[in-house]
C-alpha cells in the first residue's frame, strides 16, 4: 500500500471518529439554540477558522476557483454540508443520538447503490445479500418503535435517513469532482456555502420574528461555546477536508464503510455521556446493519 492510500485510510478513520462525537455536541448545543441558529453559528466558526488558515495554505497550495467552476461545486456543496447537516440537526430534535448513529450506518448501503448506478460499480449477489441483511437491521428499528407517521420518532428517522442519503450522494459525486479540483479548494468553497446559507436562513428567521438581538444569546453559555468550537472547527472544516482527501484516493464504498465506526462511537457517547437508554433491538439492529455492510465490503475486497 502506497503512502497516499495510507494517508487516505488515516483520514477516513479520523473523519469517522470526529463525526461519531458530533452527534453528542449537536444534542448539547440544541439545548441552547434552535437548529437554524446552531448551523449558522457552527459554520460561522468554521468559516472564520478557514479564513485564519487561508494565508498559510495559500503559500503551500494554489487556490484558484473561477466563476465557471461553480456549476460543478454548487450542487456538491448543497449535498454537503447544507442538506447533510440540515437534515441531521432537525432529525436529532426528534430522536436520540444513539438511534441517529445507528440509522446513519446505512450510509454505506446507500453509497453502494448510488455508486452502482452512477459509477457503474456492480455488486455481486453476495454483496446484495449482505446489503439486504443491513436493511433488515434498519427495518427492525422501525418495527420495534412502531411505524406511525404521526409519531415524532418517525419524523426523526426520516430526517436522519435523508441526511444519510445526502452524505451518500456527496461521496459518489466527490469521486468525480475531486479529480477536477484540489481538496483544499473544495473545502473552502463548501465551508463558505454552509456559512452563507445557514446565516442567511437564521437572519431571515430572526428578522421575521423580531428577535434579531437574541441571535448571539447562546454564546453566553459555556457548553454552547465548546460545542461550537468542536462542531465548527473539527466536525465541519476538518472533516470536510478529511473526507474530500479520502475520496480523492479511495472508492466511495470503501470510504463510506468508515461511517460504521461513527455509529459505534455515537452509540457509546450517547449511552455513557448523555445517559440515553438503549434497548436490545437497538443493539440487534445495529449489529445487523453494521455486520451486513462490513460483510459486503469484505467480500468485495476478496473478489477484487
C-alpha atoms as a PDB file:
ATOM      1  CA  UNK A   1       0.000   0.000   0.000  1.00  0.00           C
ATOM      2  CA  UNK A   2       1.466   3.339  -1.060  1.00  0.00           C
ATOM      3  CA  UNK A   3       1.727   6.378   1.194  1.00  0.00           C
ATOM      4  CA  UNK A   4      -1.243   8.170  -0.400  1.00  0.00           C
ATOM      5  CA  UNK A   5      -3.542   5.232   0.330  1.00  0.00           C
ATOM      6  CA  UNK A   6      -2.270   5.023   3.904  1.00  0.00           C
ATOM      7  CA  UNK A   7      -2.970   8.731   4.405  1.00  0.00           C
ATOM      8  CA  UNK A   8      -6.410   8.275   2.858  1.00  0.00           C
ATOM      9  CA  UNK A   9      -7.310   5.483   5.293  1.00  0.00           C
ATOM     10  CA  UNK A  10      -5.976   7.549   8.207  1.00  0.00           C
ATOM     11  CA  UNK A  11      -8.097  10.493   7.024  1.00  0.00           C
ATOM     12  CA  UNK A  12     -11.182   8.269   6.803  1.00  0.00           C
ATOM     13  CA  UNK A  13     -10.655   6.953  10.339  1.00  0.00           C
ATOM     14  CA  UNK A  14     -10.150  10.465  11.734  1.00  0.00           C
ATOM     15  CA  UNK A  15     -13.225  11.707   9.848  1.00  0.00           C
ATOM     16  CA  UNK A  16     -15.400   8.888  11.208  1.00  0.00           C
ATOM     17  CA  UNK A  17     -14.162   9.394  14.774  1.00  0.00           C
ATOM     18  CA  UNK A  18     -14.959  13.121  14.758  1.00  0.00           C
ATOM     19  CA  UNK A  19     -18.398  12.578  13.201  1.00  0.00           C
ATOM     20  CA  UNK A  20     -19.137   9.952  15.839  1.00  0.00           C
ATOM     21  CA  UNK A  21     -18.794  12.519  18.628  1.00  0.00           C
ATOM     22  CA  UNK A  22     -20.532  15.282  16.671  1.00  0.00           C
ATOM     23  CA  UNK A  23     -23.997  13.902  17.483  1.00  0.00           C
ATOM     24  CA  UNK A  24     -23.239  14.385  21.181  1.00  0.00           C
ATOM     25  CA  UNK A  25     -22.200  18.019  20.740  1.00  0.00           C
ATOM     26  CA  UNK A  26     -25.202  18.734  18.498  1.00  0.00           C
ATOM     27  CA  UNK A  27     -27.549  17.421  21.197  1.00  0.00           C
ATOM     28  CA  UNK A  28     -25.809  19.628  23.783  1.00  0.00           C
ATOM     29  CA  UNK A  29     -25.939  22.706  21.519  1.00  0.00           C
ATOM     30  CA  UNK A  30     -29.644  22.169  20.781  1.00  0.00           C
ATOM     31  CA  UNK A  31     -30.333  22.870  24.464  1.00  0.00           C
ATOM     32  CA  UNK A  32     -29.241  26.489  23.890  1.00  0.00           C
ATOM     33  CA  UNK A  33     -30.203  27.244  20.286  1.00  0.00           C
ATOM     34  CA  UNK A  34     -32.685  26.217  17.621  1.00  0.00           C
ATOM     35  CA  UNK A  35     -31.416  24.223  14.602  1.00  0.00           C
ATOM     36  CA  UNK A  36     -31.076  27.188  12.217  1.00  0.00           C
ATOM     37  CA  UNK A  37     -29.085  29.296  14.683  1.00  0.00           C
ATOM     38  CA  UNK A  38     -26.954  26.296  15.624  1.00  0.00           C
ATOM     39  CA  UNK A  39     -25.979  25.683  11.999  1.00  0.00           C
ATOM     40  CA  UNK A  40     -25.383  29.397  11.391  1.00  0.00           C
ATOM     41  CA  UNK A  41     -23.028  29.697  14.364  1.00  0.00           C
ATOM     42  CA  UNK A  42     -21.380  26.377  13.538  1.00  0.00           C
ATOM     43  CA  UNK A  43     -20.402  27.465  10.051  1.00  0.00           C
ATOM     44  CA  UNK A  44     -19.508  30.976  11.162  1.00  0.00           C
ATOM     45  CA  UNK A  45     -16.885  29.431  13.436  1.00  0.00           C
ATOM     46  CA  UNK A  46     -15.863  27.085  10.625  1.00  0.00           C
ATOM     47  CA  UNK A  47     -15.527  29.861   8.035  1.00  0.00           C
ATOM     48  CA  UNK A  48     -13.639  32.091  10.489  1.00  0.00           C
ATOM     49  CA  UNK A  49     -11.158  29.263  11.071  1.00  0.00           C
ATOM     50  CA  UNK A  50     -10.816  28.783   7.302  1.00  0.00           C
ATOM     51  CA  UNK A  51     -10.065  32.488   6.820  1.00  0.00           C
ATOM     52  CA  UNK A  52      -7.387  32.352   9.530  1.00  0.00           C
ATOM     53  CA  UNK A  53      -5.774  29.372   7.816  1.00  0.00           C
ATOM     54  CA  UNK A  54      -6.027  30.833   4.318  1.00  0.00           C
ATOM     55  CA  UNK A  55      -2.762  32.894   4.340  1.00  0.00           C
ATOM     56  CA  UNK A  56      -0.760  29.832   5.420  1.00  0.00           C
ATOM     57  CA  UNK A  57      -2.438  27.413   2.990  1.00  0.00           C
ATOM     58  CA  UNK A  58      -2.131  29.861   0.086  1.00  0.00           C
ATOM     59  CA  UNK A  59       1.650  29.670   0.346  1.00  0.00           C
ATOM     60  CA  UNK A  60       1.603  25.888   0.002  1.00  0.00           C
ATOM     61  CA  UNK A  61      -1.393  25.271  -2.287  1.00  0.00           C
ATOM     62  CA  UNK A  62      -2.621  27.041  -5.386  1.00  0.00           C
ATOM     63  CA  UNK A  63      -6.210  28.063  -4.585  1.00  0.00           C
ATOM     64  CA  UNK A  64      -7.981  29.396  -7.643  1.00  0.00           C
ATOM     65  CA  UNK A  65     -11.727  28.965  -8.163  1.00  0.00           C
ATOM     66  CA  UNK A  66     -13.282  30.559 -11.256  1.00  0.00           C
ATOM     67  CA  UNK A  67     -16.931  31.565 -11.609  1.00  0.00           C
ATOM     68  CA  UNK A  68     -17.465  28.871 -14.228  1.00  0.00           C
ATOM     69  CA  UNK A  69     -16.337  26.271 -11.698  1.00  0.00           C
ATOM     70  CA  UNK A  70     -19.348  26.983  -9.503  1.00  0.00           C
ATOM     71  CA  UNK A  71     -21.598  24.999 -11.837  1.00  0.00           C
ATOM     72  CA  UNK A  72     -19.803  21.892 -10.550  1.00  0.00           C
ATOM     73  CA  UNK A  73     -19.216  22.925  -6.941  1.00  0.00           C
ATOM     74  CA  UNK A  74     -22.627  24.415  -6.046  1.00  0.00           C
ATOM     75  CA  UNK A  75     -24.591  21.113  -6.294  1.00  0.00           C
ATOM     76  CA  UNK A  76     -21.717  19.399  -4.479  1.00  0.00           C
ATOM     77  CA  UNK A  77     -21.849  21.930  -1.622  1.00  0.00           C
ATOM     78  CA  UNK A  78     -25.636  21.720  -1.382  1.00  0.00           C
ATOM     79  CA  UNK A  79     -25.387  17.987  -0.696  1.00  0.00           C
ATOM     80  CA  UNK A  80     -22.634  18.500   1.868  1.00  0.00           C
ATOM     81  CA  UNK A  81     -22.679  20.478   4.062  1.00  0.00           C
ATOM     82  CA  UNK A  82     -26.076  22.170   3.524  1.00  0.00           C
ATOM     83  CA  UNK A  83     -28.527  19.252   3.183  1.00  0.00           C
ATOM     84  CA  UNK A  84     -26.468  16.783   5.210  1.00  0.00           C
ATOM     85  CA  UNK A  85     -26.208  18.984   8.302  1.00  0.00           C
ATOM     86  CA  UNK A  86     -29.705  20.475   7.986  1.00  0.00           C
ATOM     87  CA  UNK A  87     -31.383  17.057   7.947  1.00  0.00           C
ATOM     88  CA  UNK A  88     -29.053  15.802  10.685  1.00  0.00           C
ATOM     89  CA  UNK A  89     -29.736  18.616  13.140  1.00  0.00           C
ATOM     90  CA  UNK A  90     -33.506  18.619  12.628  1.00  0.00           C
ATOM     91  CA  UNK A  91     -33.528  14.836  12.880  1.00  0.00           C
ATOM     92  CA  UNK A  92     -31.745  14.974  16.230  1.00  0.00           C
ATOM     93  CA  UNK A  93     -34.594  17.123  17.567  1.00  0.00           C
ATOM     94  CA  UNK A  94     -36.935  14.134  17.228  1.00  0.00           C
ATOM     95  CA  UNK A  95     -34.688  11.193  18.028  1.00  0.00           C
ATOM     96  CA  UNK A  96     -31.769  10.256  20.269  1.00  0.00           C
ATOM     97  CA  UNK A  97     -28.131  10.407  19.190  1.00  0.00           C
ATOM     98  CA  UNK A  98     -27.873   6.615  19.623  1.00  0.00           C
ATOM     99  CA  UNK A  99     -30.770   5.976  17.219  1.00  0.00           C
ATOM    100  CA  UNK A 100     -29.430   8.555  14.768  1.00  0.00           C
ATOM    101  CA  UNK A 101     -25.990   6.949  14.812  1.00  0.00           C
ATOM    102  CA  UNK A 102     -27.395   3.517  14.042  1.00  0.00           C
ATOM    103  CA  UNK A 103     -29.577   4.805  11.202  1.00  0.00           C
ATOM    104  CA  UNK A 104     -26.609   6.655   9.708  1.00  0.00           C
ATOM    105  CA  UNK A 105     -24.876   3.280   9.456  1.00  0.00           C
ATOM    106  CA  UNK A 106     -26.988   2.835   6.313  1.00  0.00           C
ATOM    107  CA  UNK A 107     -24.749   5.337   4.510  1.00  0.00           C
ATOM    108  CA  UNK A 108     -22.513   2.563   3.056  1.00  0.00           C
ATOM    109  CA  UNK A 109     -25.605   0.772   1.736  1.00  0.00           C
ATOM    110  CA  UNK A 110     -26.909   3.890   0.030  1.00  0.00           C
ATOM    111  CA  UNK A 111     -23.438   4.715  -1.270  1.00  0.00           C
ATOM    112  CA  UNK A 112     -23.080   1.228  -2.758  1.00  0.00           C
ATOM    113  CA  UNK A 113     -26.407   1.593  -4.581  1.00  0.00           C
ATOM    114  CA  UNK A 114     -25.637   5.095  -5.865  1.00  0.00           C
ATOM    115  CA  UNK A 115     -22.114   4.086  -6.904  1.00  0.00           C
ATOM    116  CA  UNK A 116     -23.546   1.136  -8.840  1.00  0.00           C
ATOM    117  CA  UNK A 117     -25.965   3.451 -10.653  1.00  0.00           C
ATOM    118  CA  UNK A 118     -23.729   6.442 -11.368  1.00  0.00           C
ATOM    119  CA  UNK A 119     -20.192   4.995 -11.240  1.00  0.00           C
ATOM    120  CA  UNK A 120     -21.127   1.568 -12.692  1.00  0.00           C
ATOM    121  CA  UNK A 121     -19.663  -0.322  -9.731  1.00  0.00           C
ATOM    122  CA  UNK A 122     -21.628  -3.571  -9.937  1.00  0.00           C
ATOM    123  CA  UNK A 123     -22.355  -5.539  -6.770  1.00  0.00           C
ATOM    124  CA  UNK A 124     -22.183  -9.364  -6.568  1.00  0.00           C
ATOM    125  CA  UNK A 125     -25.134 -11.405  -5.298  1.00  0.00           C
ATOM    126  CA  UNK A 126     -23.289 -11.918  -2.004  1.00  0.00           C
ATOM    127  CA  UNK A 127     -22.964  -8.154  -1.599  1.00  0.00           C
ATOM    128  CA  UNK A 128     -26.675  -7.810  -2.297  1.00  0.00           C
ATOM    129  CA  UNK A 129     -27.355 -10.443   0.387  1.00  0.00           C
ATOM    130  CA  UNK A 130     -25.306  -8.564   2.963  1.00  0.00           C
ATOM    131  CA  UNK A 131     -26.983  -5.309   1.940  1.00  0.00           C
ATOM    132  CA  UNK A 132     -30.382  -6.925   2.491  1.00  0.00           C
ATOM    133  CA  UNK A 133     -29.181  -8.001   5.946  1.00  0.00           C
ATOM    134  CA  UNK A 134     -28.323  -4.400   6.740  1.00  0.00           C
ATOM    135  CA  UNK A 135     -31.703  -3.179   5.527  1.00  0.00           C
ATOM    136  CA  UNK A 136     -33.367  -5.741   7.829  1.00  0.00           C
ATOM    137  CA  UNK A 137     -31.500  -4.147  10.726  1.00  0.00           C
ATOM    138  CA  UNK A 138     -32.952  -0.732   9.900  1.00  0.00           C
ATOM    139  CA  UNK A 139     -36.420  -2.249   9.428  1.00  0.00           C
ATOM    140  CA  UNK A 140     -36.132  -3.780  12.897  1.00  0.00           C
ATOM    141  CA  UNK A 141     -35.653  -0.308  14.392  1.00  0.00           C
ATOM    142  CA  UNK A 142     -38.794   0.947  12.646  1.00  0.00           C
ATOM    143  CA  UNK A 143     -40.952  -2.071  13.536  1.00  0.00           C
ATOM    144  CA  UNK A 144     -39.961  -2.188  17.215  1.00  0.00           C
ATOM    145  CA  UNK A 145     -40.532   1.546  17.635  1.00  0.00           C
ATOM    146  CA  UNK A 146     -43.795   1.339  15.738  1.00  0.00           C
ATOM    147  CA  UNK A 147     -44.301   2.865  12.286  1.00  0.00           C
ATOM    148  CA  UNK A 148     -46.654   5.790  12.727  1.00  0.00           C
ATOM    149  CA  UNK A 149     -46.468   8.858  10.503  1.00  0.00           C
ATOM    150  CA  UNK A 150     -47.800  10.932  13.417  1.00  0.00           C
ATOM    151  CA  UNK A 151     -45.096   9.707  15.777  1.00  0.00           C
ATOM    152  CA  UNK A 152     -42.304  12.167  16.473  1.00  0.00           C
ATOM    153  CA  UNK A 153     -39.646   9.443  16.291  1.00  0.00           C
ATOM    154  CA  UNK A 154     -40.748   8.571  12.752  1.00  0.00           C
ATOM    155  CA  UNK A 155     -40.085  12.151  11.658  1.00  0.00           C
ATOM    156  CA  UNK A 156     -36.622  11.946  13.186  1.00  0.00           C
ATOM    157  CA  UNK A 157     -35.882   8.659  11.426  1.00  0.00           C
ATOM    158  CA  UNK A 158     -36.891  10.099   8.050  1.00  0.00           C
ATOM    159  CA  UNK A 159     -34.769  13.211   8.522  1.00  0.00           C
ATOM    160  CA  UNK A 160     -31.700  11.197   9.569  1.00  0.00           C
ATOM    161  CA  UNK A 161     -32.200   8.894   6.579  1.00  0.00           C
ATOM    162  CA  UNK A 162     -32.332  11.946   4.294  1.00  0.00           C
ATOM    163  CA  UNK A 163     -29.101  13.126   5.911  1.00  0.00           C
ATOM    164  CA  UNK A 164     -27.569   9.726   5.164  1.00  0.00           C
ATOM    165  CA  UNK A 165     -28.771   9.918   1.541  1.00  0.00           C
ATOM    166  CA  UNK A 166     -27.189  13.371   1.161  1.00  0.00           C
ATOM    167  CA  UNK A 167     -23.900  12.021   2.505  1.00  0.00           C
ATOM    168  CA  UNK A 168     -24.004   9.064   0.119  1.00  0.00           C
ATOM    169  CA  UNK A 169     -24.708  11.254  -2.902  1.00  0.00           C
ATOM    170  CA  UNK A 170     -21.879  13.559  -1.831  1.00  0.00           C
ATOM    171  CA  UNK A 171     -19.474  10.589  -1.612  1.00  0.00           C
ATOM    172  CA  UNK A 172     -20.315   9.449  -5.137  1.00  0.00           C
ATOM    173  CA  UNK A 173     -20.155  12.977  -6.570  1.00  0.00           C
ATOM    174  CA  UNK A 174     -16.850  13.601  -4.782  1.00  0.00           C
ATOM    175  CA  UNK A 175     -15.200  10.728  -6.641  1.00  0.00           C
ATOM    176  CA  UNK A 176     -15.629  12.788  -9.811  1.00  0.00           C
ATOM    177  CA  UNK A 177     -15.188  16.354  -8.591  1.00  0.00           C
ATOM    178  CA  UNK A 178     -12.007  15.699  -6.565  1.00  0.00           C
ATOM    179  CA  UNK A 179     -10.298  14.807  -9.845  1.00  0.00           C
ATOM    180  CA  UNK A 180     -11.064  18.301 -11.139  1.00  0.00           C
ATOM    181  CA  UNK A 181     -10.375  20.455  -8.064  1.00  0.00           C
ATOM    182  CA  UNK A 182      -7.892  20.334  -5.192  1.00  0.00           C
ATOM    183  CA  UNK A 183      -9.360  19.175  -1.871  1.00  0.00           C
ATOM    184  CA  UNK A 184      -8.313  22.465  -0.235  1.00  0.00           C
ATOM    185  CA  UNK A 185     -10.308  24.422  -2.819  1.00  0.00           C
ATOM    186  CA  UNK A 186     -13.369  22.248  -2.309  1.00  0.00           C
ATOM    187  CA  UNK A 187     -13.117  22.528   1.464  1.00  0.00           C
ATOM    188  CA  UNK A 188     -13.020  26.351   1.339  1.00  0.00           C
ATOM    189  CA  UNK A 189     -15.984  26.607  -1.028  1.00  0.00           C
ATOM    190  CA  UNK A 190     -18.033  24.057   0.919  1.00  0.00           C
ATOM    191  CA  UNK A 191     -17.371  25.929   4.162  1.00  0.00           C
ATOM    192  CA  UNK A 192     -18.364  29.248   2.594  1.00  0.00           C
ATOM    193  CA  UNK A 193     -21.640  27.817   1.274  1.00  0.00           C
ATOM    194  CA  UNK A 194     -22.500  26.458   4.708  1.00  0.00           C
ATOM    195  CA  UNK A 195     -21.691  29.836   6.272  1.00  0.00           C
ATOM    196  CA  UNK A 196     -23.709  31.814   3.707  1.00  0.00           C
ATOM    197  CA  UNK A 197     -26.760  29.556   3.515  1.00  0.00           C
ATOM    198  CA  UNK A 198     -27.340  28.953   7.228  1.00  0.00           C
ATOM    199  CA  UNK A 199     -26.595  32.530   8.322  1.00  0.00           C
ATOM    200  CA  UNK A 200     -28.977  33.866   5.676  1.00  0.00           C
ATOM    201  CA  UNK A 201     -31.686  31.471   6.871  1.00  0.00           C
ATOM    202  CA  UNK A 202     -31.112  32.395  10.525  1.00  0.00           C
ATOM    203  CA  UNK A 203     -31.116  36.156   9.903  1.00  0.00           C
ATOM    204  CA  UNK A 204     -34.308  35.942   7.819  1.00  0.00           C
ATOM    205  CA  UNK A 205     -35.995  33.934  10.583  1.00  0.00           C
ATOM    206  CA  UNK A 206     -34.975  36.393  13.310  1.00  0.00           C
ATOM    207  CA  UNK A 207     -35.981  39.376  11.180  1.00  0.00           C
ATOM    208  CA  UNK A 208     -39.459  37.929  10.662  1.00  0.00           C
ATOM    209  CA  UNK A 209     -39.842  37.124  14.359  1.00  0.00           C
ATOM    210  CA  UNK A 210     -38.323  40.420  15.507  1.00  0.00           C
ATOM    211  CA  UNK A 211     -35.754  38.557  17.593  1.00  0.00           C
ATOM    212  CA  UNK A 212     -32.522  39.621  15.912  1.00  0.00           C
ATOM    213  CA  UNK A 213     -30.873  40.786  19.203  1.00  0.00           C
ATOM    214  CA  UNK A 214     -31.241  37.217  20.518  1.00  0.00           C
ATOM    215  CA  UNK A 215     -29.153  35.721  17.718  1.00  0.00           C
ATOM    216  CA  UNK A 216     -25.932  35.587  19.753  1.00  0.00           C
ATOM    217  CA  UNK A 217     -27.526  34.763  23.130  1.00  0.00           C
ATOM    218  CA  UNK A 218     -26.439  31.079  23.050  1.00  0.00           C
ATOM    219  CA  UNK A 219     -22.784  32.152  23.290  1.00  0.00           C
ATOM    220  CA  UNK A 220     -23.415  33.227  26.890  1.00  0.00           C
ATOM    221  CA  UNK A 221     -23.408  29.535  27.840  1.00  0.00           C
ATOM    222  CA  UNK A 222     -20.045  27.759  28.075  1.00  0.00           C
ATOM    223  CA  UNK A 223     -21.429  24.411  26.902  1.00  0.00           C
ATOM    224  CA  UNK A 224     -22.614  26.026  23.675  1.00  0.00           C
ATOM    225  CA  UNK A 225     -19.257  27.730  23.072  1.00  0.00           C
ATOM    226  CA  UNK A 226     -17.349  24.468  23.465  1.00  0.00           C
ATOM    227  CA  UNK A 227     -19.853  22.685  21.247  1.00  0.00           C
ATOM    228  CA  UNK A 228     -19.441  25.303  18.522  1.00  0.00           C
ATOM    229  CA  UNK A 229     -15.652  25.049  18.642  1.00  0.00           C
ATOM    230  CA  UNK A 230     -15.841  21.285  18.186  1.00  0.00           C
ATOM    231  CA  UNK A 231     -18.606  21.362  15.575  1.00  0.00           C
ATOM    232  CA  UNK A 232     -17.260  24.346  13.653  1.00  0.00           C
ATOM    233  CA  UNK A 233     -13.549  23.591  13.527  1.00  0.00           C
ATOM    234  CA  UNK A 234     -13.310  19.814  13.827  1.00  0.00           C
ATOM    235  CA  UNK A 235     -16.681  18.475  12.726  1.00  0.00           C
ATOM    236  CA  UNK A 236     -17.230  20.875   9.815  1.00  0.00           C
ATOM    237  CA  UNK A 237     -13.971  22.319   8.492  1.00  0.00           C
ATOM    238  CA  UNK A 238     -11.590  19.464   9.292  1.00  0.00           C
ATOM    239  CA  UNK A 239     -13.980  16.655   8.372  1.00  0.00           C
ATOM    240  CA  UNK A 240     -14.732  18.339   5.029  1.00  0.00           C
ATOM    241  CA  UNK A 241     -11.039  18.240   4.214  1.00  0.00           C
ATOM    242  CA  UNK A 242     -10.538  14.701   5.537  1.00  0.00           C
ATOM    243  CA  UNK A 243     -13.475  13.251   3.625  1.00  0.00           C
ATOM    244  CA  UNK A 244     -12.548  15.058   0.405  1.00  0.00           C
ATOM    245  CA  UNK A 245      -8.980  13.783   0.683  1.00  0.00           C
ATOM    246  CA  UNK A 246     -10.055  10.200   1.403  1.00  0.00           C
ATOM    247  CA  UNK A 247     -12.497  10.245  -1.512  1.00  0.00           C
ATOM    248  CA  UNK A 248      -9.818  11.575  -3.837  1.00  0.00           C
ATOM    249  CA  UNK A 249      -7.770   8.426  -3.180  1.00  0.00           C
ATOM    250  CA  UNK A 250     -10.278   5.661  -2.403  1.00  0.00           C
ATOM    251  CA  UNK A 251     -13.530   4.330  -3.862  1.00  0.00           C
ATOM    252  CA  UNK A 252     -16.731   5.802  -2.442  1.00  0.00           C
ATOM    253  CA  UNK A 253     -17.876   2.474  -0.964  1.00  0.00           C
ATOM    254  CA  UNK A 254     -14.556   1.957   0.834  1.00  0.00           C
ATOM    255  CA  UNK A 255     -14.682   5.408   2.422  1.00  0.00           C
ATOM    256  CA  UNK A 256     -18.341   5.131   3.398  1.00  0.00           C
ATOM    257  CA  UNK A 257     -17.707   1.922   5.366  1.00  0.00           C
ATOM    258  CA  UNK A 258     -15.935   4.036   7.969  1.00  0.00           C
ATOM    259  CA  UNK A 259     -19.287   5.584   8.865  1.00  0.00           C
ATOM    260  CA  UNK A 260     -19.859   2.374  10.820  1.00  0.00           C
ATOM    261  CA  UNK A 261     -17.114   3.475  13.184  1.00  0.00           C
ATOM    262  CA  UNK A 262     -19.050   6.713  13.619  1.00  0.00           C
ATOM    263  CA  UNK A 263     -22.150   4.743  14.548  1.00  0.00           C
ATOM    264  CA  UNK A 264     -20.334   2.790  17.267  1.00  0.00           C
ATOM    265  CA  UNK A 265     -18.793   5.963  18.730  1.00  0.00           C
ATOM    266  CA  UNK A 266     -22.134   7.779  18.593  1.00  0.00           C
ATOM    267  CA  UNK A 267     -23.977   4.996  20.395  1.00  0.00           C
ATOM    268  CA  UNK A 268     -21.260   4.745  23.058  1.00  0.00           C
ATOM    269  CA  UNK A 269     -21.208   8.528  23.598  1.00  0.00           C
ATOM    270  CA  UNK A 270     -24.988   8.723  23.837  1.00  0.00           C
ATOM    271  CA  UNK A 271     -25.203   5.941  26.411  1.00  0.00           C
ATOM    272  CA  UNK A 272     -22.133   6.774  28.515  1.00  0.00           C
ATOM    273  CA  UNK A 273     -22.225  10.582  28.454  1.00  0.00           C
ATOM    274  CA  UNK A 274     -25.849  11.578  27.782  1.00  0.00           C
ATOM    275  CA  UNK A 275     -27.182   8.557  29.720  1.00  0.00           C
ATOM    276  CA  UNK A 276     -29.576   7.687  26.915  1.00  0.00           C
ATOM    277  CA  UNK A 277     -31.389   4.366  27.098  1.00  0.00           C
ATOM    278  CA  UNK A 278     -30.545   1.704  24.551  1.00  0.00           C
ATOM    279  CA  UNK A 279     -32.763  -1.347  24.132  1.00  0.00           C
ATOM    280  CA  UNK A 280     -31.996  -4.812  22.836  1.00  0.00           C
ATOM    281  CA  UNK A 281     -33.482  -4.050  19.421  1.00  0.00           C
ATOM    282  CA  UNK A 282     -31.111  -1.066  19.063  1.00  0.00           C
ATOM    283  CA  UNK A 283     -28.194  -3.436  19.606  1.00  0.00           C
ATOM    284  CA  UNK A 284     -29.562  -6.162  17.335  1.00  0.00           C
ATOM    285  CA  UNK A 285     -30.483  -3.644  14.636  1.00  0.00           C
ATOM    286  CA  UNK A 286     -27.037  -2.078  14.864  1.00  0.00           C
ATOM    287  CA  UNK A 287     -25.331  -5.481  14.592  1.00  0.00           C
ATOM    288  CA  UNK A 288     -27.400  -6.393  11.508  1.00  0.00           C
ATOM    289  CA  UNK A 289     -26.756  -3.051   9.819  1.00  0.00           C
ATOM    290  CA  UNK A 290     -23.055  -2.868  10.560  1.00  0.00           C
ATOM    291  CA  UNK A 291     -22.383  -6.595  10.113  1.00  0.00           C
ATOM    292  CA  UNK A 292     -24.142  -6.634   6.770  1.00  0.00           C
ATOM    293  CA  UNK A 293     -22.250  -3.640   5.401  1.00  0.00           C
ATOM    294  CA  UNK A 294     -18.871  -4.869   6.653  1.00  0.00           C
ATOM    295  CA  UNK A 295     -19.538  -8.332   5.244  1.00  0.00           C
ATOM    296  CA  UNK A 296     -20.451  -6.903   1.865  1.00  0.00           C
ATOM    297  CA  UNK A 297     -17.295  -4.848   1.644  1.00  0.00           C
ATOM    298  CA  UNK A 298     -15.025  -7.675   2.845  1.00  0.00           C
ATOM    299  CA  UNK A 299     -16.457  -9.961   0.164  1.00  0.00           C
ATOM    300  CA  UNK A 300     -15.918  -7.242  -2.423  1.00  0.00           C
ATOM    301  CA  UNK A 301     -12.330  -6.796  -1.360  1.00  0.00           C
ATOM    302  CA  UNK A 302     -11.610 -10.530  -1.515  1.00  0.00           C
ATOM    303  CA  UNK A 303     -13.053 -10.835  -5.025  1.00  0.00           C
ATOM    304  CA  UNK A 304     -11.489  -7.653  -6.438  1.00  0.00           C
END
